[in-house]
Amino acid sequence: MHKELVEDIDGRCNCLAARKASRYLTAVYDQALSPADLRATQFSILYKLAKDGPLTIGELAAVMAMDRTTLSSNLKPLEREGLLEMVPGEDRRVKKVVITKAGVSRYRTAFPLWQAVQQEFEGHYGEKRAEALRNSLRKVLHSGFSPWAPSESTPAKD
């Protein structure tokens, strides 16, 4: 190959390290939530809607740190299953995402599964280390980058 042309970034690339850890944890949480027929991202969406909803698509994208296209593709199966619905906002051009009774029920079914895997992770990784990890990852979200175009992250333009 052309190994002499490839700088070794193993162990130095922040994005690669974060993505690998994210894929690993996502697989662990997906597996734990599978008896509730939810994936980790779907569980998080239901949680945010149960806690803070209804939210516009833009608001939900912002709190989930997702671009609107990715969020929309994650909302479709939840909407098909009747776990959430899209309703017109005060301004008819703006849609709000609302968790349904079935969505709250599914969230409540999944919560103990999430709680168990959360405790298991903290047991293996360490409670204080897990808290420090979450705090560090939250800081990444405020590191000064603008990864999504303004029209994708502005809640007012649904």
C-alpha atoms as a PDB file:
ATOM      1  CA  MET A   1       0.000   0.000   0.000  1.00  0.00           C
ATOM      2  CA  HIS A   2       1.109   3.605   0.482  1.00  0.00           C
ATOM      3  CA  LYS A   3       1.877   3.479   4.194  1.00  0.00           C
ATOM      4  CA  GLU A   4       4.607   6.065   3.813  1.00  0.00           C
ATOM      5  CA  LEU A   5       1.934   8.560   2.700  1.00  0.00           C
ATOM      6  CA  VAL A   6      -0.383   7.909   5.649  1.00  0.00           C
ATOM      7  CA  GLU A   7       0.249   9.749   8.886  1.00  0.00           C
ATOM      8  CA  ASP A   8      -0.613   7.587  11.899  1.00  0.00           C
ATOM      9  CA  ILE A   9      -3.540   9.218  13.719  1.00  0.00           C
ATOM     10  CA  ASP A  10      -4.473   6.173  15.827  1.00  0.00           C
ATOM     11  CA  GLY A  11      -4.912   7.354  19.380  1.00  0.00           C
ATOM     12  CA  ARG A  12      -4.866  11.029  18.352  1.00  0.00           C
ATOM     13  CA  CYS A  13      -8.059  11.553  16.352  1.00  0.00           C
ATOM     14  CA  ASN A  14     -10.747  12.929  18.644  1.00  0.00           C
ATOM     15  CA  CYS A  15     -13.520  12.150  16.194  1.00  0.00           C
ATOM     16  CA  LEU A  16     -12.442   8.537  15.622  1.00  0.00           C
ATOM     17  CA  ALA A  17     -12.149   7.892  19.362  1.00  0.00           C
ATOM     18  CA  ALA A  18     -15.557   9.448  20.067  1.00  0.00           C
ATOM     19  CA  ARG A  19     -17.220   7.582  17.177  1.00  0.00           C
ATOM     20  CA  LYS A  20     -15.785   4.235  18.232  1.00  0.00           C
ATOM     21  CA  ALA A  21     -16.934   4.747  21.828  1.00  0.00           C
ATOM     22  CA  SER A  22     -20.317   5.980  20.606  1.00  0.00           C
ATOM     23  CA  ARG A  23     -20.848   2.933  18.377  1.00  0.00           C
ATOM     24  CA  TYR A  24     -19.801   0.642  21.241  1.00  0.00           C
ATOM     25  CA  LEU A  25     -22.152   2.248  23.787  1.00  0.00           C
ATOM     26  CA  THR A  26     -24.969   2.528  21.264  1.00  0.00           C
ATOM     27  CA  ALA A  27     -24.744  -1.210  20.586  1.00  0.00           C
ATOM     28  CA  VAL A  28     -24.784  -1.932  24.343  1.00  0.00           C
ATOM     29  CA  TYR A  29     -27.824   0.303  24.961  1.00  0.00           C
ATOM     30  CA  ASP A  30     -29.610  -0.910  21.794  1.00  0.00           C
ATOM     31  CA  GLN A  31     -29.221  -4.482  22.981  1.00  0.00           C
ATOM     32  CA  ALA A  32     -30.500  -3.620  26.465  1.00  0.00           C
ATOM     33  CA  LEU A  33     -33.520  -1.719  25.090  1.00  0.00           C
ATOM     34  CA  SER A  34     -34.430  -4.364  22.497  1.00  0.00           C
ATOM     35  CA  PRO A  35     -37.074  -6.069  24.714  1.00  0.00           C
ATOM     36  CA  ALA A  36     -39.001  -2.755  24.546  1.00  0.00           C
ATOM     37  CA  ASP A  37     -38.500  -2.701  20.756  1.00  0.00           C
ATOM     38  CA  LEU A  38     -36.591   0.580  20.943  1.00  0.00           C
ATOM     39  CA  ARG A  39     -33.133   1.682  19.936  1.00  0.00           C
ATOM     40  CA  ALA A  40     -31.091   4.044  22.117  1.00  0.00           C
ATOM     41  CA  THR A  41     -31.785   7.065  19.897  1.00  0.00           C
ATOM     42  CA  GLN A  42     -35.522   6.341  19.881  1.00  0.00           C
ATOM     43  CA  PHE A  43     -35.515   5.999  23.668  1.00  0.00           C
ATOM     44  CA  SER A  44     -33.730   9.361  23.971  1.00  0.00           C
ATOM     45  CA  ILE A  45     -36.239  11.039  21.653  1.00  0.00           C
ATOM     46  CA  LEU A  46     -39.179   9.672  23.656  1.00  0.00           C
ATOM     47  CA  TYR A  47     -37.492  10.817  26.861  1.00  0.00           C
ATOM     48  CA  LYS A  48     -36.968  14.372  25.591  1.00  0.00           C
ATOM     49  CA  LEU A  49     -40.565  14.583  24.373  1.00  0.00           C
ATOM     50  CA  ALA A  50     -41.953  13.160  27.625  1.00  0.00           C
ATOM     51  CA  LYS A  51     -39.830  15.565  29.669  1.00  0.00           C
ATOM     52  CA  ASP A  52     -39.839  18.750  27.563  1.00  0.00           C
ATOM     53  CA  GLY A  53     -42.406  18.264  24.772  1.00  0.00           C
ATOM     54  CA  PRO A  54     -44.147  19.087  22.656  1.00  0.00           C
ATOM     55  CA  LEU A  55     -41.206  20.480  20.686  1.00  0.00           C
ATOM     56  CA  THR A  56     -40.809  21.768  17.166  1.00  0.00           C
ATOM     57  CA  ILE A  57     -38.604  19.691  14.902  1.00  0.00           C
ATOM     58  CA  GLY A  58     -35.946  22.404  15.161  1.00  0.00           C
ATOM     59  CA  GLU A  59     -36.078  22.472  18.955  1.00  0.00           C
ATOM     60  CA  LEU A  60     -35.891  18.685  19.150  1.00  0.00           C
ATOM     61  CA  ALA A  61     -32.979  18.608  16.689  1.00  0.00           C
ATOM     62  CA  ALA A  62     -31.142  21.167  18.833  1.00  0.00           C
ATOM     63  CA  VAL A  63     -31.634  19.308  22.135  1.00  0.00           C
ATOM     64  CA  MET A  64     -30.672  15.997  20.485  1.00  0.00           C
ATOM     65  CA  ALA A  65     -27.637  17.587  18.729  1.00  0.00           C
ATOM     66  CA  MET A  66     -28.822  16.136  15.403  1.00  0.00           C
ATOM     67  CA  ASP A  67     -29.273  17.611  11.991  1.00  0.00           C
ATOM     68  CA  ARG A  68     -32.915  17.816  10.955  1.00  0.00           C
ATOM     69  CA  THR A  69     -32.620  15.199   8.206  1.00  0.00           C
ATOM     70  CA  THR A  70     -31.217  12.581  10.591  1.00  0.00           C
ATOM     71  CA  LEU A  71     -33.829  13.483  13.193  1.00  0.00           C
ATOM     72  CA  SER A  72     -36.639  13.152  10.637  1.00  0.00           C
ATOM     73  CA  SER A  73     -35.466   9.670   9.670  1.00  0.00           C
ATOM     74  CA  ASN A  74     -35.460   8.721  13.365  1.00  0.00           C
ATOM     75  CA  LEU A  75     -38.960  10.140  13.915  1.00  0.00           C
ATOM     76  CA  LYS A  76     -40.642   8.241  11.055  1.00  0.00           C
ATOM     77  CA  PRO A  77     -40.648   4.759  12.647  1.00  0.00           C
ATOM     78  CA  LEU A  78     -41.815   6.221  15.969  1.00  0.00           C
ATOM     79  CA  GLU A  79     -44.626   8.015  14.186  1.00  0.00           C
ATOM     80  CA  ARG A  80     -45.572   4.861  12.224  1.00  0.00           C
ATOM     81  CA  GLU A  81     -45.810   2.937  15.485  1.00  0.00           C
ATOM     82  CA  GLY A  82     -48.041   5.627  16.993  1.00  0.00           C
ATOM     83  CA  LEU A  83     -45.495   6.584  19.653  1.00  0.00           C
ATOM     84  CA  LEU A  84     -45.436  10.204  18.575  1.00  0.00           C
ATOM     85  CA  GLU A  85     -47.343  12.435  16.239  1.00  0.00           C
ATOM     86  CA  MET A  86     -46.692  15.580  14.280  1.00  0.00           C
ATOM     87  CA  VAL A  87     -49.210  18.330  14.948  1.00  0.00           C
ATOM     88  CA  PRO A  88     -49.451  21.872  13.619  1.00  0.00           C
ATOM     89  CA  GLY A  89     -48.016  24.516  15.933  1.00  0.00           C
ATOM     90  CA  GLU A  90     -49.495  27.941  16.640  1.00  0.00           C
ATOM     91  CA  ASP A  91     -48.082  28.961  13.285  1.00  0.00           C
ATOM     92  CA  ARG A  92     -49.443  26.316  10.895  1.00  0.00           C
ATOM     93  CA  ARG A  93     -46.120  26.232   9.021  1.00  0.00           C
ATOM     94  CA  VAL A  94     -44.424  24.926  12.164  1.00  0.00           C
ATOM     95  CA  LYS A  95     -44.917  21.304  13.179  1.00  0.00           C
ATOM     96  CA  LYS A  96     -44.630  20.138  16.748  1.00  0.00           C
ATOM     97  CA  VAL A  97     -43.616  16.654  17.755  1.00  0.00           C
ATOM     98  CA  VAL A  98     -45.850  15.247  20.494  1.00  0.00           C
ATOM     99  CA  ILE A  99     -45.404  12.008  22.398  1.00  0.00           C
ATOM    100  CA  THR A 100     -48.607   9.927  22.459  1.00  0.00           C
ATOM    101  CA  LYS A 101     -50.009   7.834  25.300  1.00  0.00           C
ATOM    102  CA  ALA A 102     -48.554   4.779  23.544  1.00  0.00           C
ATOM    103  CA  GLY A 103     -45.193   6.582  23.409  1.00  0.00           C
ATOM    104  CA  VAL A 104     -45.282   7.331  27.134  1.00  0.00           C
ATOM    105  CA  SER A 105     -46.220   3.710  27.805  1.00  0.00           C
ATOM    106  CA  ARG A 106     -43.328   2.422  25.659  1.00  0.00           C
ATOM    107  CA  TYR A 107     -40.950   4.844  27.378  1.00  0.00           C
ATOM    108  CA  ARG A 108     -42.095   3.592  30.794  1.00  0.00           C
ATOM    109  CA  THR A 109     -41.551  -0.004  29.642  1.00  0.00           C
ATOM    110  CA  ALA A 110     -38.059   0.846  28.400  1.00  0.00           C
ATOM    111  CA  PHE A 111     -36.970   2.975  31.370  1.00  0.00           C
ATOM    112  CA  PRO A 112     -36.101   0.055  33.705  1.00  0.00           C
ATOM    113  CA  LEU A 113     -34.102  -1.518  30.860  1.00  0.00           C
ATOM    114  CA  TRP A 114     -32.217   1.729  30.376  1.00  0.00           C
ATOM    115  CA  GLN A 115     -31.719   2.052  34.120  1.00  0.00           C
ATOM    116  CA  ALA A 116     -30.237  -1.454  34.325  1.00  0.00           C
ATOM    117  CA  VAL A 117     -27.745  -0.924  31.488  1.00  0.00           C
ATOM    118  CA  GLN A 118     -26.857   2.517  32.868  1.00  0.00           C
ATOM    119  CA  GLN A 119     -26.071   0.979  36.266  1.00  0.00           C
ATOM    120  CA  GLU A 120     -24.179  -1.898  34.668  1.00  0.00           C
ATOM    121  CA  PHE A 121     -22.020   0.499  32.638  1.00  0.00           C
ATOM    122  CA  GLU A 122     -21.289   2.615  35.698  1.00  0.00           C
ATOM    123  CA  GLY A 123     -20.467  -0.546  37.657  1.00  0.00           C
ATOM    124  CA  HIS A 124     -17.893  -1.588  35.056  1.00  0.00           C
ATOM    125  CA  TYR A 125     -16.561   1.834  34.124  1.00  0.00           C
ATOM    126  CA  GLY A 126     -16.906   3.550  37.502  1.00  0.00           C
ATOM    127  CA  GLU A 127     -19.622   5.934  38.644  1.00  0.00           C
ATOM    128  CA  LYS A 128     -17.328   8.950  39.051  1.00  0.00           C
ATOM    129  CA  ARG A 129     -15.536   8.235  35.751  1.00  0.00           C
ATOM    130  CA  ALA A 130     -18.918   7.932  33.992  1.00  0.00           C
ATOM    131  CA  GLU A 131     -20.021  11.276  35.426  1.00  0.00           C
ATOM    132  CA  ALA A 132     -16.735  12.879  34.337  1.00  0.00           C
ATOM    133  CA  LEU A 133     -17.176  11.338  30.868  1.00  0.00           C
ATOM    134  CA  ARG A 134     -20.686  12.791  30.516  1.00  0.00           C
ATOM    135  CA  ASN A 135     -19.468  16.210  31.670  1.00  0.00           C
ATOM    136  CA  SER A 136     -16.587  16.128  29.180  1.00  0.00           C
ATOM    137  CA  LEU A 137     -18.877  15.097  26.339  1.00  0.00           C
ATOM    138  CA  ARG A 138     -21.332  17.902  27.173  1.00  0.00           C
ATOM    139  CA  LYS A 139     -18.432  20.355  26.951  1.00  0.00           C
ATOM    140  CA  VAL A 140     -17.664  19.092  23.443  1.00  0.00           C
ATOM    141  CA  LEU A 141     -21.082  20.409  22.389  1.00  0.00           C
ATOM    142  CA  HIS A 142     -19.918  23.904  23.377  1.00  0.00           C
ATOM    143  CA  SER A 143     -16.455  23.772  21.815  1.00  0.00           C
ATOM    144  CA  GLY A 144     -17.160  26.522  19.293  1.00  0.00           C
ATOM    145  CA  PHE A 145     -17.990  24.623  16.123  1.00  0.00           C
ATOM    146  CA  SER A 146     -21.131  25.074  14.001  1.00  0.00           C
ATOM    147  CA  PRO A 147     -21.593  21.632  12.444  1.00  0.00           C
ATOM    148  CA  TRP A 148     -25.023  22.273  10.967  1.00  0.00           C
ATOM    149  CA  ALA A 149     -26.119  25.024   8.650  1.00  0.00           C
ATOM    150  CA  PRO A 150     -28.024  27.810  10.444  1.00  0.00           C
ATOM    151  CA  SER A 151     -31.260  26.851   8.675  1.00  0.00           C
ATOM    152  CA  GLU A 152     -30.900  23.303  10.092  1.00  0.00           C
ATOM    153  CA  SER A 153     -30.318  24.350  13.685  1.00  0.00           C
ATOM    154  CA  THR A 154     -32.679  27.313  13.961  1.00  0.00           C
ATOM    155  CA  PRO A 155     -35.846  26.192  15.754  1.00  0.00           C
ATOM    156  CA  ALA A 156     -37.994  28.948  14.222  1.00  0.00           C
ATOM    157  CA  LYS A 157     -37.690  27.572  10.651  1.00  0.00           C
ATOM    158  CA  ASP A 158     -39.685  24.366  10.781  1.00  0.00           C
END
